[in-house]
């Protein structure tokens, strides 16, 4: 019998979200948080890079065309 995963198990999973459009950033962040993830939302990669070593995200979701740098590096 398959059991549903407790959303508390997902709380520890950290996602970095990089999106420069404020509305898209907010909608994605809210959807991911409702699914139980801890989300750090950024509008530019410079801010994300400043925290990446400290937070050690499990997943990075990035828009490729971002201000200051592209979302690939």
C-alpha atoms as a PDB file:
ATOM      1  CA  UNK A   1       0.000   0.000   0.000  1.00  0.00           C
ATOM      2  CA  UNK A   2       1.427   3.363  -1.047  1.00  0.00           C
ATOM      3  CA  UNK A   3       1.427   6.025   1.644  1.00  0.00           C
ATOM      4  CA  UNK A   4       1.521   9.756   1.084  1.00  0.00           C
ATOM      5  CA  UNK A   5       4.767  11.441   1.979  1.00  0.00           C
ATOM      6  CA  UNK A   6       4.446  13.723   4.953  1.00  0.00           C
ATOM      7  CA  UNK A   7       5.055  17.357   3.918  1.00  0.00           C
ATOM      8  CA  UNK A   8       7.227  17.758   7.032  1.00  0.00           C
ATOM      9  CA  UNK A   9       9.729  15.423   5.354  1.00  0.00           C
ATOM     10  CA  UNK A  10      10.085  17.943   2.517  1.00  0.00           C
ATOM     11  CA  UNK A  11      10.643  20.972   4.745  1.00  0.00           C
ATOM     12  CA  UNK A  12      14.342  20.190   4.939  1.00  0.00           C
ATOM     13  CA  UNK A  13      14.688  20.265   1.155  1.00  0.00           C
ATOM     14  CA  UNK A  14      15.941  23.670   0.060  1.00  0.00           C
ATOM     15  CA  UNK A  15      15.232  25.221  -3.332  1.00  0.00           C
ATOM     16  CA  UNK A  16      16.900  28.315  -4.745  1.00  0.00           C
ATOM     17  CA  UNK A  17      14.572  30.077  -7.180  1.00  0.00           C
ATOM     18  CA  UNK A  18      16.096  32.636  -9.548  1.00  0.00           C
ATOM     19  CA  UNK A  19      13.547  34.640 -11.524  1.00  0.00           C
ATOM     20  CA  UNK A  20      13.762  38.343 -12.324  1.00  0.00           C
ATOM     21  CA  UNK A  21      10.035  38.841 -13.001  1.00  0.00           C
ATOM     22  CA  UNK A  22       8.513  39.633  -9.570  1.00  0.00           C
ATOM     23  CA  UNK A  23       5.082  38.142 -10.314  1.00  0.00           C
ATOM     24  CA  UNK A  24       6.509  34.862 -11.655  1.00  0.00           C
ATOM     25  CA  UNK A  25       8.972  34.711  -8.768  1.00  0.00           C
ATOM     26  CA  UNK A  26       6.185  35.130  -6.203  1.00  0.00           C
ATOM     27  CA  UNK A  27       3.844  32.582  -7.829  1.00  0.00           C
ATOM     28  CA  UNK A  28       6.559  29.931  -8.115  1.00  0.00           C
ATOM     29  CA  UNK A  29       7.757  30.553  -4.561  1.00  0.00           C
ATOM     30  CA  UNK A  30       4.233  30.241  -3.153  1.00  0.00           C
ATOM     31  CA  UNK A  31       3.533  27.027  -5.065  1.00  0.00           C
ATOM     32  CA  UNK A  32       6.775  25.415  -3.925  1.00  0.00           C
ATOM     33  CA  UNK A  33       6.250  26.477  -0.311  1.00  0.00           C
ATOM     34  CA  UNK A  34       2.707  25.040  -0.346  1.00  0.00           C
ATOM     35  CA  UNK A  35       4.310  21.764  -1.409  1.00  0.00           C
ATOM     36  CA  UNK A  36       6.478  21.846   1.709  1.00  0.00           C
ATOM     37  CA  UNK A  37       9.802  23.102   0.369  1.00  0.00           C
ATOM     38  CA  UNK A  38      11.972  25.764   1.953  1.00  0.00           C
ATOM     39  CA  UNK A  39      12.388  28.313  -0.851  1.00  0.00           C
ATOM     40  CA  UNK A  40      14.888  31.124  -1.207  1.00  0.00           C
ATOM     41  CA  UNK A  41      13.707  33.393  -4.030  1.00  0.00           C
ATOM     42  CA  UNK A  42      16.141  35.708  -5.784  1.00  0.00           C
ATOM     43  CA  UNK A  43      15.820  38.200  -8.606  1.00  0.00           C
ATOM     44  CA  UNK A  44      19.499  38.088  -9.567  1.00  0.00           C
ATOM     45  CA  UNK A  45      22.254  35.457  -9.408  1.00  0.00           C
ATOM     46  CA  UNK A  46      24.629  37.632  -7.384  1.00  0.00           C
ATOM     47  CA  UNK A  47      22.389  37.389  -4.312  1.00  0.00           C
ATOM     48  CA  UNK A  48      21.962  33.638  -4.798  1.00  0.00           C
ATOM     49  CA  UNK A  49      25.721  33.083  -5.053  1.00  0.00           C
ATOM     50  CA  UNK A  50      26.196  34.911  -1.759  1.00  0.00           C
ATOM     51  CA  UNK A  51      24.118  32.260   0.065  1.00  0.00           C
ATOM     52  CA  UNK A  52      24.755  29.107  -1.948  1.00  0.00           C
ATOM     53  CA  UNK A  53      27.565  27.757   0.242  1.00  0.00           C
ATOM     54  CA  UNK A  54      25.715  28.543   3.470  1.00  0.00           C
ATOM     55  CA  UNK A  55      22.346  27.050   2.490  1.00  0.00           C
ATOM     56  CA  UNK A  56      23.556  24.245   0.172  1.00  0.00           C
ATOM     57  CA  UNK A  57      20.337  24.001  -1.884  1.00  0.00           C
ATOM     58  CA  UNK A  58      19.016  20.642  -3.030  1.00  0.00           C
ATOM     59  CA  UNK A  59      17.720  22.174  -6.253  1.00  0.00           C
ATOM     60  CA  UNK A  60      18.264  25.407  -8.182  1.00  0.00           C
ATOM     61  CA  UNK A  61      15.514  26.588 -10.505  1.00  0.00           C
ATOM     62  CA  UNK A  62      16.776  29.390 -12.688  1.00  0.00           C
ATOM     63  CA  UNK A  63      15.607  31.591 -15.491  1.00  0.00           C
ATOM     64  CA  UNK A  64      18.427  31.577 -18.047  1.00  0.00           C
ATOM     65  CA  UNK A  65      18.095  35.265 -18.948  1.00  0.00           C
ATOM     66  CA  UNK A  66      18.751  37.170 -15.723  1.00  0.00           C
ATOM     67  CA  UNK A  67      20.122  40.652 -14.987  1.00  0.00           C
ATOM     68  CA  UNK A  68      23.848  40.964 -14.191  1.00  0.00           C
ATOM     69  CA  UNK A  69      24.667  37.374 -15.255  1.00  0.00           C
ATOM     70  CA  UNK A  70      22.953  34.564 -17.100  1.00  0.00           C
ATOM     71  CA  UNK A  71      21.301  31.774 -15.135  1.00  0.00           C
ATOM     72  CA  UNK A  72      23.765  29.141 -16.332  1.00  0.00           C
ATOM     73  CA  UNK A  73      26.837  30.145 -14.340  1.00  0.00           C
END
